Amino acid sequence: MTTPGDDIHQPNAPALQQRRAGVLLHPMSLPGGFGNGDLGPSAYHFADFLHSSGCTVWQTLPLGPTNDSGSPYQCLSVHAGNVLMVSLELLQEAGWLEPDQGPEDTETAADYRRRRLSEARRGFSEHASDGEKAEYRDFLATHAAWLDDYALFIALKQEHGQAAWWDWPAAIRDRRSTAMAQARGRLLENIEQERFAQFLFARQWAALKTYANDKGVLMFGDMPIFVAEDSAEVWAQREYFELGEDGRPSVVAGVPPDYFSATGQRWGNPHYRWDSMQADGFAWWKERVARQLEMFDIIRVDHFRGFEAYWEIPADEETAINGSWVKAPGAALFTALQEHFGPLPLVAEDLGIITEEVDELRHRFRLPGMKVLQFAFDGGPENPYLPHNHAADFVAYTGTHDNDTTMGWYDARTTEQNEAMHDYLGFPLEPMPWPMIRAALRSVAKLAVVPMQDVMGLGSEHRMNTPGTTADNWAWRFDWDMLNSEDADKLRRLVEQYGRAV
């Protein structure tokens, strides 16, 4: 917490106290691999690109396993990794997987990847060294608190045709001891396969993070405030969530109408039982944050304003319009976390409807907020997103995963709107999106982050997500030939010019 005399505009964590530049790119968007990007050679190439461009931050979206929506903000676990990101190439290099011809005709890329992970488990058993097997045992022991429930959860979903946990037979839905013991025995093979797959993800992520860190690149993760209803934690720890006897919530999370949607966003996540969490010293949050700090150097806390007050929507409402604000114990939570961990390298996603109380909470714990330049050019000179209104304790973005690409945003604006923006930026002598990238890098904000789509000057067809919609999201990928050497060189010059080359 701050004390009298502290500078509230100086971020608390050392990683956020010097000027840096970063690029936002989810590993699933990388080239290479079957069906999606992964943690293989292209990920290392991207770390090399960041290093050569002078950027010292790689921001990702949440890395957890997703439900059928593909949204990384609706994960099956707050601790587990998405095993579809495990690189099959690296498993072959390790000697645990034989080369093959790729997916069979009737096999999806995801099913192919899972089948190959099963083959890798057999290869690991036969060819891994004693040291590698000891590493696996250590992983299982270290992460047992979340891993055992998660692996059983995945095995049960497989057994029940991917049905949500509240639709399982009551005995296993409610975790009765006899039914749980029987399930662990009956599903032992699938449980062990999932535990092994999580080991592979954790091992490959740790190796990639070490490589990036050795290049001077910090890994910047993303922690959603809420948890998916159909997740291992909600099933296994119902005491921490607002659920009825049948496991279903009476109220759900979202946000009221805003810039993104006239009807708001009904996310559907269950709300926390904050009194239960506070009663045991926020043990659940400490476990969650510890795992995130193991994986990342910096962590974005999505929907930070929900720690001060959250939008509560009756579960039977189809939209988020008819909700209400309910106070949350954010100050008590962050006090407990800082007392446990020390200065936290957190960035508060404080976009949308922000009150003085939310600002006070962020300042109290000296957490940087966010400024998105696509929000800056409507209204007058007091618009808080305009660069002249930034402060050091912010992260400046051209746009985020929820925005259109800067080129798509620019092309959709009227001539009058763009002329006003040109006037503010100084008539651009370079093509868009570079004036916006330059403005972000020039900001006094300690960290500036540019989505990879903007670095490559891509249009709306390369957008990652459109809030309030469910189709055609989260699947964007790029090819290296989209990035020309002139753009990479220009990014480095700007990073150096604005004092962000660490």
Protein backbone atom coordinates (compact mmCIF):
# COMPACT_ATOMS: atom_id res chain seq x y z
CA MET A 1 0.00 0.00 0.00
CA THR A 2 1.01 3.59 -0.32
CA THR A 3 2.14 5.60 2.68
CA PRO A 4 2.12 9.38 3.14
CA GLY A 5 4.56 10.92 0.71
CA ASP A 6 4.51 8.05 -1.77
CA ASP A 7 4.13 8.98 -5.42
CA ILE A 8 0.84 7.39 -6.49
CA HIS A 9 1.95 7.64 -10.11
CA GLN A 10 5.01 5.45 -9.55
CA PRO A 11 4.10 1.79 -10.17
CA ASN A 12 4.72 -0.45 -7.19
CA ALA A 13 6.53 -3.33 -8.89
CA PRO A 14 10.12 -2.91 -10.22
CA ALA A 15 9.23 -4.51 -13.58
CA LEU A 16 6.87 -1.61 -14.26
CA GLN A 17 9.07 1.26 -13.09
CA GLN A 18 11.06 1.89 -16.29
CA ARG A 19 9.94 2.77 -19.78
CA ARG A 20 9.29 -0.30 -21.87
CA ALA A 21 7.58 -1.28 -25.11
CA GLY A 22 5.73 -4.50 -25.79
CA VAL A 23 3.64 -6.36 -28.33
CA LEU A 24 0.32 -8.08 -27.68
CA LEU A 25 0.13 -11.52 -29.30
CA HIS A 26 -1.61 -14.65 -28.05
CA PRO A 27 0.50 -17.80 -28.63
CA MET A 28 -2.49 -19.44 -30.34
CA SER A 29 -2.10 -16.80 -33.10
CA LEU A 30 1.46 -17.81 -33.95
CA PRO A 31 2.26 -19.48 -37.28
CA GLY A 32 3.11 -23.17 -37.39
CA GLY A 33 1.48 -26.16 -35.75
CA PHE A 34 -1.79 -27.95 -36.48
CA GLY A 35 -4.94 -25.89 -35.99
CA ASN A 36 -3.40 -23.24 -33.75
CA GLY A 37 -0.12 -21.66 -32.79
CA ASP A 38 1.83 -23.28 -29.98
CA LEU A 39 4.94 -23.04 -27.81
CA GLY A 40 7.28 -24.40 -30.45
CA PRO A 41 9.79 -22.82 -32.84
CA SER A 42 7.56 -19.89 -33.89
CA ALA A 43 7.21 -18.82 -30.24
CA TYR A 44 11.00 -18.66 -29.92
CA HIS A 45 11.19 -16.79 -33.22
CA PHE A 46 8.69 -14.26 -31.88
CA ALA A 47 10.80 -13.76 -28.76
CA ASP A 48 13.76 -13.11 -31.07
CA PHE A 49 11.67 -10.59 -33.02
CA LEU A 50 10.79 -8.73 -29.82
CA HIS A 51 14.43 -8.64 -28.78
CA SER A 52 15.57 -7.36 -32.17
CA SER A 53 12.87 -4.67 -32.18
CA GLY A 54 13.85 -3.36 -28.75
CA CYS A 55 10.55 -4.51 -27.21
CA THR A 56 10.97 -6.04 -23.77
CA VAL A 57 7.41 -7.19 -23.06
CA TRP A 58 5.36 -9.99 -24.66
CA GLN A 59 1.72 -9.67 -23.63
CA THR A 60 -0.55 -12.69 -24.07
CA LEU A 61 -4.20 -13.46 -23.42
CA PRO A 62 -5.05 -16.00 -20.67
CA LEU A 63 -3.35 -19.33 -21.38
CA GLY A 64 -5.92 -21.64 -19.84
CA PRO A 65 -7.93 -24.43 -21.51
CA THR A 66 -11.04 -22.97 -23.13
CA ASN A 67 -14.59 -24.21 -23.47
CA ASP A 68 -16.30 -24.65 -26.84
CA SER A 69 -16.44 -20.86 -27.36
CA GLY A 70 -12.67 -20.77 -27.66
CA SER A 71 -12.62 -17.69 -25.42
CA PRO A 72 -9.53 -17.55 -23.21
CA TYR A 73 -11.70 -15.59 -20.77
CA GLN A 74 -13.92 -18.64 -20.19
CA CYS A 75 -11.41 -21.25 -19.09
CA LEU A 76 -11.97 -24.70 -17.61
CA SER A 77 -9.46 -23.88 -14.88
CA VAL A 78 -7.71 -20.83 -13.44
CA HIS A 79 -4.50 -22.84 -12.97
CA ALA A 80 -4.23 -25.24 -15.93
CA GLY A 81 -2.64 -24.51 -19.29
CA ASN A 82 -4.21 -25.06 -22.70
CA VAL A 83 -2.57 -28.31 -23.78
CA LEU A 84 -3.40 -27.55 -27.43
CA MET A 85 -0.45 -25.14 -27.19
CA VAL A 86 2.00 -27.97 -26.45
CA SER A 87 4.47 -28.13 -29.33
CA LEU A 88 4.59 -31.54 -30.98
CA GLU A 89 7.83 -30.56 -32.69
CA LEU A 90 9.54 -30.04 -29.35
CA LEU A 91 8.27 -33.41 -28.12
CA GLN A 92 9.88 -35.02 -31.16
CA GLU A 93 13.13 -33.19 -30.43
CA ALA A 94 12.99 -34.50 -26.86
CA GLY A 95 12.73 -38.06 -28.22
CA TRP A 96 9.29 -38.70 -26.73
CA LEU A 97 7.30 -38.63 -29.96
CA GLU A 98 7.88 -40.21 -33.36
CA PRO A 99 7.27 -38.14 -36.54
CA ASP A 100 4.06 -38.91 -38.43
CA GLN A 101 2.08 -37.71 -41.46
CA GLY A 102 -0.30 -35.37 -39.61
CA PRO A 103 -4.02 -35.66 -38.85
CA GLU A 104 -6.12 -38.44 -40.33
CA ASP A 105 -8.84 -37.44 -42.78
CA THR A 106 -11.65 -37.52 -40.19
CA GLU A 107 -9.58 -36.07 -37.35
CA THR A 108 -9.80 -32.45 -36.17
CA ALA A 109 -6.60 -30.61 -35.39
CA ALA A 110 -7.51 -30.59 -31.69
CA ASP A 111 -8.23 -34.34 -31.65
CA TYR A 112 -4.97 -34.96 -33.50
CA ARG A 113 -3.02 -32.96 -30.95
CA ARG A 114 -4.61 -34.84 -28.06
CA ARG A 115 -3.90 -38.20 -29.68
CA ARG A 116 -0.28 -37.24 -30.18
CA LEU A 117 -0.01 -36.19 -26.54
CA SER A 118 -1.16 -39.68 -25.57
CA GLU A 119 1.58 -41.13 -27.78
CA ALA A 120 4.08 -38.78 -26.15
CA ARG A 121 3.17 -40.17 -22.74
CA ARG A 122 4.13 -43.63 -23.88
CA GLY A 123 7.32 -42.26 -25.39
CA PHE A 124 8.12 -40.42 -22.16
CA SER A 125 7.66 -43.62 -20.16
CA GLU A 126 10.07 -45.48 -22.46
CA HIS A 127 12.68 -42.83 -23.26
CA ALA A 128 12.73 -40.09 -20.62
CA SER A 129 15.82 -39.90 -18.45
CA ASP A 130 15.74 -40.46 -14.71
CA GLY A 131 16.10 -36.72 -14.23
CA GLU A 132 13.15 -35.97 -16.51
CA LYS A 133 10.98 -38.50 -14.69
CA ALA A 134 11.96 -36.93 -11.38
CA GLU A 135 10.98 -33.55 -12.84
CA TYR A 136 7.55 -35.00 -13.67
CA ARG A 137 7.09 -36.36 -10.14
CA ASP A 138 8.08 -32.99 -8.68
CA PHE A 139 5.54 -31.25 -10.89
CA LEU A 140 2.76 -33.58 -9.75
CA ALA A 141 3.63 -33.05 -6.09
CA THR A 142 4.06 -29.28 -6.35
CA HIS A 143 0.77 -28.70 -8.16
CA ALA A 144 -1.39 -31.42 -6.60
CA ALA A 145 -3.65 -28.89 -4.85
CA TRP A 146 -5.24 -27.88 -8.16
CA LEU A 147 -4.03 -30.52 -10.62
CA ASP A 148 -5.71 -33.56 -9.08
CA ASP A 149 -9.18 -31.99 -9.12
CA TYR A 150 -8.64 -30.56 -12.58
CA ALA A 151 -7.51 -33.86 -14.12
CA LEU A 152 -10.52 -35.64 -12.58
CA PHE A 153 -12.81 -32.85 -13.83
CA ILE A 154 -11.53 -33.27 -17.41
CA ALA A 155 -11.85 -37.07 -17.21
CA LEU A 156 -15.44 -36.74 -15.98
CA LYS A 157 -16.32 -34.32 -18.77
CA GLN A 158 -14.96 -36.84 -21.25
CA GLU A 159 -16.99 -39.60 -19.65
CA HIS A 160 -20.17 -37.51 -19.79
CA GLY A 161 -19.83 -36.34 -23.39
CA GLN A 162 -18.47 -32.89 -22.38
CA ALA A 163 -21.66 -32.12 -20.42
CA ALA A 164 -21.38 -29.31 -17.88
CA TRP A 165 -20.66 -30.51 -14.34
CA TRP A 166 -24.08 -29.52 -12.98
CA ASP A 167 -25.66 -31.98 -15.44
CA TRP A 168 -23.64 -34.92 -14.12
CA PRO A 169 -25.27 -37.50 -11.81
CA ALA A 170 -25.93 -35.86 -8.43
CA ALA A 171 -23.44 -38.03 -6.54
CA ILE A 172 -20.49 -36.90 -8.64
CA ARG A 173 -21.88 -33.40 -9.20
CA ASP A 174 -21.91 -32.95 -5.43
CA ARG A 175 -18.57 -34.74 -4.92
CA ARG A 176 -19.82 -37.44 -2.56
CA SER A 177 -16.87 -39.41 -1.25
CA THR A 178 -17.85 -42.86 -2.52
CA ALA A 179 -18.67 -41.58 -6.02
CA MET A 180 -15.40 -39.61 -6.12
CA ALA A 181 -13.31 -42.62 -5.11
CA GLN A 182 -15.03 -44.79 -7.71
CA ALA A 183 -14.50 -42.16 -10.42
CA ARG A 184 -10.78 -41.86 -9.63
CA GLY A 185 -10.39 -45.61 -9.98
CA ARG A 186 -12.58 -45.94 -13.08
CA LEU A 187 -10.96 -43.01 -14.92
CA LEU A 188 -7.37 -43.48 -13.79
CA GLU A 189 -5.94 -43.66 -17.33
CA ASN A 190 -7.61 -40.44 -18.49
CA ILE A 191 -6.65 -38.68 -15.26
CA GLU A 192 -3.01 -39.63 -15.66
CA GLN A 193 -3.03 -38.51 -19.30
CA GLU A 194 -4.31 -35.06 -18.35
CA ARG A 195 -1.77 -34.72 -15.55
CA PHE A 196 0.97 -35.58 -18.02
CA ALA A 197 -0.33 -33.13 -20.62
CA GLN A 198 -0.31 -30.37 -17.99
CA PHE A 199 3.29 -31.25 -17.18
CA LEU A 200 4.21 -30.86 -20.85
CA PHE A 201 2.52 -27.46 -21.05
CA ALA A 202 4.18 -26.21 -17.88
CA ARG A 203 7.57 -27.50 -18.96
CA GLN A 204 7.40 -25.92 -22.42
CA TRP A 205 6.05 -22.63 -21.08
CA ALA A 206 8.80 -22.44 -18.46
CA ALA A 207 11.44 -23.07 -21.13
CA LEU A 208 9.98 -20.38 -23.40
CA LYS A 209 9.78 -17.90 -20.52
CA THR A 210 13.40 -18.57 -19.60
CA TYR A 211 14.46 -18.04 -23.21
CA ALA A 212 12.51 -14.79 -23.46
CA ASN A 213 13.79 -13.53 -20.11
CA ASP A 214 17.37 -14.29 -21.17
CA LYS A 215 16.69 -12.05 -24.20
CA GLY A 216 15.49 -9.31 -21.85
CA VAL A 217 11.81 -9.94 -22.67
CA LEU A 218 9.28 -10.05 -19.82
CA MET A 219 6.18 -12.24 -20.13
CA PHE A 220 2.95 -10.30 -19.48
CA GLY A 221 -0.04 -12.51 -18.68
CA ASP A 222 -3.75 -11.89 -18.28
CA MET A 223 -5.87 -13.00 -15.30
CA PRO A 224 -9.64 -12.78 -15.73
CA ILE A 225 -11.35 -11.59 -12.57
CA PHE A 226 -14.13 -14.16 -12.86
CA VAL A 227 -14.13 -17.93 -13.32
CA ALA A 228 -16.16 -19.88 -15.89
CA GLU A 229 -19.19 -21.59 -14.40
CA ASP A 230 -18.23 -24.88 -16.04
CA SER A 231 -14.74 -25.06 -14.53
CA ALA A 232 -12.83 -27.29 -12.17
CA GLU A 233 -12.66 -24.62 -9.46
CA VAL A 234 -16.42 -23.93 -9.38
CA TRP A 235 -17.14 -27.67 -9.26
CA ALA A 236 -14.48 -28.47 -6.66
CA GLN A 237 -14.79 -25.33 -4.49
CA ARG A 238 -18.48 -24.43 -4.54
CA GLU A 239 -18.18 -22.80 -1.13
CA TYR A 240 -16.47 -19.83 -2.79
CA PHE A 241 -19.18 -19.15 -5.41
CA GLU A 242 -22.78 -17.89 -5.35
CA LEU A 243 -24.50 -21.14 -6.35
CA GLY A 244 -27.72 -22.90 -5.47
CA GLU A 245 -28.12 -26.50 -4.35
CA ASP A 246 -28.19 -27.63 -7.97
CA GLY A 247 -24.89 -25.89 -8.70
CA ARG A 248 -26.45 -23.13 -10.80
CA PRO A 249 -26.01 -19.43 -10.03
CA SER A 250 -28.91 -17.12 -9.25
CA VAL A 251 -26.88 -14.08 -10.32
CA VAL A 252 -24.14 -13.82 -12.94
CA ALA A 253 -21.38 -11.42 -13.94
CA GLY A 254 -21.14 -8.90 -16.76
CA VAL A 255 -21.02 -5.18 -17.40
CA PRO A 256 -23.75 -2.62 -18.09
CA PRO A 257 -24.23 -0.96 -21.49
CA ASP A 258 -21.03 0.77 -22.61
CA TYR A 259 -18.83 1.66 -25.61
CA PHE A 260 -18.81 -1.95 -26.78
CA SER A 261 -22.50 -2.88 -26.47
CA ALA A 262 -25.84 -1.06 -26.08
CA THR A 263 -27.19 -3.98 -24.03
CA GLY A 264 -24.05 -4.48 -21.97
CA GLN A 265 -22.22 -7.77 -21.77
CA ARG A 266 -23.73 -10.77 -19.98
CA TRP A 267 -20.70 -12.96 -19.33
CA GLY A 268 -22.55 -15.57 -17.29
CA ASN A 269 -19.79 -16.25 -14.76
CA PRO A 270 -20.89 -16.97 -11.19
CA HIS A 271 -20.09 -14.31 -8.61
CA TYR A 272 -17.82 -14.97 -5.65
CA ARG A 273 -18.92 -15.49 -2.08
CA TRP A 274 -16.58 -12.79 -0.90
CA ASP A 275 -17.44 -13.36 2.77
CA SER A 276 -16.25 -16.97 2.51
CA MET A 277 -13.06 -15.92 0.73
CA GLN A 278 -12.31 -13.22 3.26
CA ALA A 279 -12.98 -15.57 6.19
CA ASP A 280 -9.92 -17.72 5.38
CA GLY A 281 -7.62 -14.83 4.51
CA PHE A 282 -8.27 -15.06 0.75
CA ALA A 283 -6.46 -18.40 0.51
CA TRP A 284 -8.11 -19.14 -2.84
CA TRP A 285 -6.76 -15.91 -4.34
CA LYS A 286 -3.30 -16.45 -2.90
CA GLU A 287 -3.12 -19.86 -4.57
CA ARG A 288 -4.33 -18.38 -7.85
CA VAL A 289 -1.91 -15.46 -7.83
CA ALA A 290 1.00 -17.70 -6.84
CA ARG A 291 0.44 -19.78 -9.98
CA GLN A 292 0.25 -16.65 -12.14
CA LEU A 293 3.47 -15.27 -10.65
CA GLU A 294 5.12 -18.59 -11.44
CA MET A 295 4.17 -18.19 -15.09
CA PHE A 296 4.49 -14.43 -15.72
CA ASP A 297 6.64 -11.40 -14.90
CA ILE A 298 3.68 -8.98 -15.20
CA ILE A 299 -0.03 -9.77 -14.92
CA ARG A 300 -3.00 -7.82 -16.25
CA VAL A 301 -6.03 -8.11 -13.97
CA ASP A 302 -9.03 -8.12 -16.26
CA HIS A 303 -12.07 -6.06 -15.16
CA PHE A 304 -10.28 -4.51 -12.18
CA ARG A 305 -13.29 -2.34 -11.35
CA GLY A 306 -15.07 -5.53 -10.24
CA PHE A 307 -12.85 -5.62 -7.16
CA GLU A 308 -14.42 -2.35 -5.98
CA ALA A 309 -17.97 -3.10 -7.14
CA TYR A 310 -19.30 -5.68 -9.58
CA TRP A 311 -22.32 -5.74 -11.88
CA GLU A 312 -24.76 -8.38 -10.63
CA ILE A 313 -27.27 -9.67 -13.22
CA PRO A 314 -30.19 -11.96 -12.38
CA ALA A 315 -29.39 -15.29 -14.03
CA ASP A 316 -32.73 -15.38 -15.86
CA GLU A 317 -32.02 -12.10 -17.67
CA GLU A 318 -30.97 -12.49 -21.31
CA THR A 319 -28.96 -9.25 -21.40
CA ALA A 320 -26.90 -7.26 -18.90
CA ILE A 321 -29.23 -4.25 -18.82
CA ASN A 322 -31.16 -5.10 -15.65
CA GLY A 323 -28.30 -5.50 -13.22
CA SER A 324 -27.03 -3.61 -10.18
CA TRP A 325 -23.69 -2.66 -8.62
CA VAL A 326 -22.62 -4.58 -5.50
CA LYS A 327 -19.62 -3.61 -3.38
CA ALA A 328 -16.59 -5.95 -3.27
CA PRO A 329 -13.77 -6.15 -0.66
CA GLY A 330 -11.01 -5.18 -3.09
CA ALA A 331 -8.95 -3.22 -0.53
CA ALA A 332 -8.93 -6.15 1.91
CA LEU A 333 -8.00 -8.57 -0.89
CA PHE A 334 -5.07 -6.54 -2.24
CA THR A 335 -3.83 -5.81 1.28
CA ALA A 336 -3.73 -9.56 1.95
CA LEU A 337 -2.01 -10.26 -1.36
CA GLN A 338 0.67 -7.59 -0.90
CA GLU A 339 1.33 -8.71 2.66
CA HIS A 340 1.80 -12.25 1.35
CA PHE A 341 3.72 -11.62 -1.89
CA GLY A 342 5.18 -8.12 -1.55
CA PRO A 343 4.91 -5.61 -4.42
CA LEU A 344 2.68 -7.13 -7.07
CA PRO A 345 3.50 -6.68 -10.81
CA LEU A 346 -0.17 -6.15 -11.65
CA VAL A 347 -1.76 -3.95 -14.30
CA ALA A 348 -5.37 -2.98 -13.63
CA GLU A 349 -7.70 -3.18 -16.63
CA ASP A 350 -9.72 -0.11 -15.71
CA LEU A 351 -11.60 0.54 -18.95
CA GLY A 352 -15.31 1.31 -19.10
CA ILE A 353 -17.33 2.92 -16.32
CA ILE A 354 -14.75 3.95 -13.74
CA THR A 355 -15.61 5.74 -10.51
CA GLU A 356 -13.50 7.73 -8.07
CA GLU A 357 -13.60 4.71 -5.75
CA VAL A 358 -12.06 2.48 -8.42
CA ASP A 359 -9.32 5.04 -9.09
CA GLU A 360 -8.63 5.30 -5.35
CA LEU A 361 -8.30 1.51 -5.07
CA ARG A 362 -5.85 1.41 -7.96
CA HIS A 363 -3.80 4.32 -6.62
CA ARG A 364 -3.77 2.90 -3.10
CA PHE A 365 -1.92 -0.18 -4.31
CA ARG A 366 0.04 1.70 -6.99
CA LEU A 367 -1.17 -0.43 -9.86
CA PRO A 368 -0.90 0.93 -13.43
CA GLY A 369 -4.14 1.33 -15.34
CA MET A 370 -4.78 1.27 -19.10
CA LYS A 371 -5.15 3.97 -21.75
CA VAL A 372 -6.41 2.90 -25.18
CA LEU A 373 -5.82 5.42 -27.96
CA GLN A 374 -8.80 4.25 -29.99
CA PHE A 375 -10.96 5.75 -27.23
CA ALA A 376 -9.10 9.08 -27.26
CA PHE A 377 -10.49 11.04 -30.18
CA ASP A 378 -14.14 11.51 -29.26
CA GLY A 379 -15.02 14.41 -27.00
CA GLY A 380 -12.88 17.33 -25.96
CA PRO A 381 -9.34 17.85 -24.68
CA GLU A 382 -10.26 16.43 -21.27
CA ASN A 383 -10.78 12.95 -22.75
CA PRO A 384 -8.67 10.79 -20.37
CA TYR A 385 -7.37 8.59 -23.18
CA LEU A 386 -5.69 11.46 -25.06
CA PRO A 387 -1.91 11.18 -24.66
CA HIS A 388 -1.58 14.57 -22.94
CA ASN A 389 -3.77 13.22 -20.12
CA HIS A 390 -1.69 10.08 -19.53
CA ALA A 391 0.44 9.54 -16.43
CA ALA A 392 3.38 7.26 -15.71
CA ASP A 393 1.20 4.70 -13.93
CA PHE A 394 -0.56 3.55 -17.08
CA VAL A 395 -0.02 1.20 -19.97
CA ALA A 396 -0.67 2.93 -23.30
CA TYR A 397 -2.24 0.82 -26.08
CA THR A 398 -3.23 1.58 -29.63
CA GLY A 399 -5.96 -1.04 -29.12
CA THR A 400 -6.51 -4.34 -27.32
CA HIS A 401 -7.85 -7.78 -28.22
CA ASP A 402 -11.38 -6.38 -27.81
CA ASN A 403 -10.83 -3.51 -30.25
CA ASP A 404 -10.81 -3.52 -34.02
CA THR A 405 -7.33 -3.33 -35.48
CA THR A 406 -6.16 0.28 -35.71
CA MET A 407 -6.40 0.19 -39.51
CA GLY A 408 -9.94 -1.21 -39.32
CA TRP A 409 -10.92 1.39 -36.72
CA TYR A 410 -9.41 4.20 -38.78
CA ASP A 411 -11.10 3.10 -42.01
CA ALA A 412 -14.51 2.93 -40.28
CA ARG A 413 -14.34 6.52 -39.01
CA THR A 414 -15.75 9.50 -40.89
CA THR A 415 -13.53 11.94 -42.72
CA GLU A 416 -14.38 14.61 -40.15
CA GLN A 417 -13.43 12.35 -37.26
CA ASN A 418 -10.11 11.48 -38.84
CA GLU A 419 -9.34 15.08 -39.70
CA ALA A 420 -9.75 16.03 -36.04
CA MET A 421 -7.46 13.17 -35.07
CA HIS A 422 -4.89 14.24 -37.69
CA ASP A 423 -4.97 17.72 -36.25
CA TYR A 424 -4.21 16.40 -32.78
CA LEU A 425 -1.42 14.08 -33.89
CA GLY A 426 0.06 16.60 -36.33
CA PHE A 427 -0.78 15.91 -39.96
CA PRO A 428 0.70 12.44 -40.38
CA LEU A 429 3.64 12.24 -42.73
CA GLU A 430 3.52 8.45 -42.44
CA PRO A 431 0.68 6.05 -43.19
CA MET A 432 -1.63 4.68 -40.52
CA PRO A 433 -1.31 2.93 -38.14
CA TRP A 434 2.15 4.38 -37.46
CA PRO A 435 0.94 7.77 -36.13
CA MET A 436 -1.04 5.87 -33.49
CA ILE A 437 1.88 3.56 -32.68
CA ARG A 438 4.12 6.60 -32.39
CA ALA A 439 1.61 8.30 -30.05
CA ALA A 440 1.50 5.24 -27.79
CA LEU A 441 5.29 4.95 -27.64
CA ARG A 442 5.65 8.71 -27.06
CA SER A 443 3.24 8.64 -24.09
CA VAL A 444 4.59 9.26 -20.58
CA ALA A 445 3.07 5.90 -19.60
CA LYS A 446 5.84 3.60 -18.37
CA LEU A 447 4.72 0.76 -20.64
CA ALA A 448 3.34 0.99 -24.19
CA VAL A 449 1.91 -2.10 -25.91
CA VAL A 450 0.96 -2.50 -29.57
CA PRO A 451 -1.08 -5.45 -30.87
CA MET A 452 0.80 -7.49 -33.47
CA GLN A 453 -1.92 -6.71 -36.02
CA ASP A 454 -1.05 -3.01 -35.76
CA VAL A 455 2.68 -3.65 -36.15
CA MET A 456 1.80 -5.34 -39.45
CA GLY A 457 -0.80 -2.72 -40.48
CA LEU A 458 -3.63 -5.25 -40.83
CA GLY A 459 -7.34 -4.47 -41.31
CA SER A 460 -10.59 -5.53 -39.66
CA GLU A 461 -10.48 -9.03 -41.09
CA HIS A 462 -7.63 -9.70 -38.65
CA ARG A 463 -9.55 -8.64 -35.55
CA MET A 464 -9.19 -10.98 -32.56
CA ASN A 465 -12.54 -10.49 -30.84
CA THR A 466 -15.77 -8.50 -31.12
CA PRO A 467 -17.33 -8.16 -27.64
CA GLY A 468 -20.95 -9.18 -27.39
CA THR A 469 -20.67 -11.67 -30.26
CA THR A 470 -19.87 -15.38 -30.30
CA ALA A 471 -18.93 -16.10 -33.92
CA ASP A 472 -15.57 -15.71 -35.65
CA ASN A 473 -13.61 -14.79 -32.51
CA TRP A 474 -10.29 -15.95 -31.04
CA ALA A 475 -9.10 -17.83 -34.14
CA TRP A 476 -6.84 -15.18 -35.76
CA ARG A 477 -3.39 -16.31 -36.87
CA PHE A 478 -0.65 -14.64 -38.88
CA ASP A 479 2.17 -15.67 -41.19
CA TRP A 480 5.68 -14.33 -40.97
CA ASP A 481 5.46 -12.95 -44.51
CA MET A 482 2.89 -10.43 -43.20
CA LEU A 483 5.73 -8.75 -41.31
CA ASN A 484 8.11 -6.89 -43.59
CA SER A 485 11.59 -5.88 -42.54
CA GLU A 486 10.85 -2.16 -42.94
CA ASP A 487 8.08 -2.31 -40.31
CA ALA A 488 10.28 -4.27 -37.90
CA ASP A 489 13.12 -1.76 -38.36
CA LYS A 490 10.75 1.17 -37.92
CA LEU A 491 9.37 -0.28 -34.69
CA ARG A 492 12.88 -0.52 -33.29
CA ARG A 493 13.72 3.08 -34.26
CA LEU A 494 10.60 4.36 -32.52
CA VAL A 495 11.22 2.24 -29.43
CA GLU A 496 14.70 3.71 -29.19
CA GLN A 497 13.60 7.25 -30.08
CA TYR A 498 11.08 7.36 -27.23
CA GLY A 499 13.39 5.88 -24.61
CA ARG A 500 11.81 2.46 -24.33
CA ALA A 501 14.79 0.29 -25.32
CA VAL A 502 15.84 -1.18 -21.96
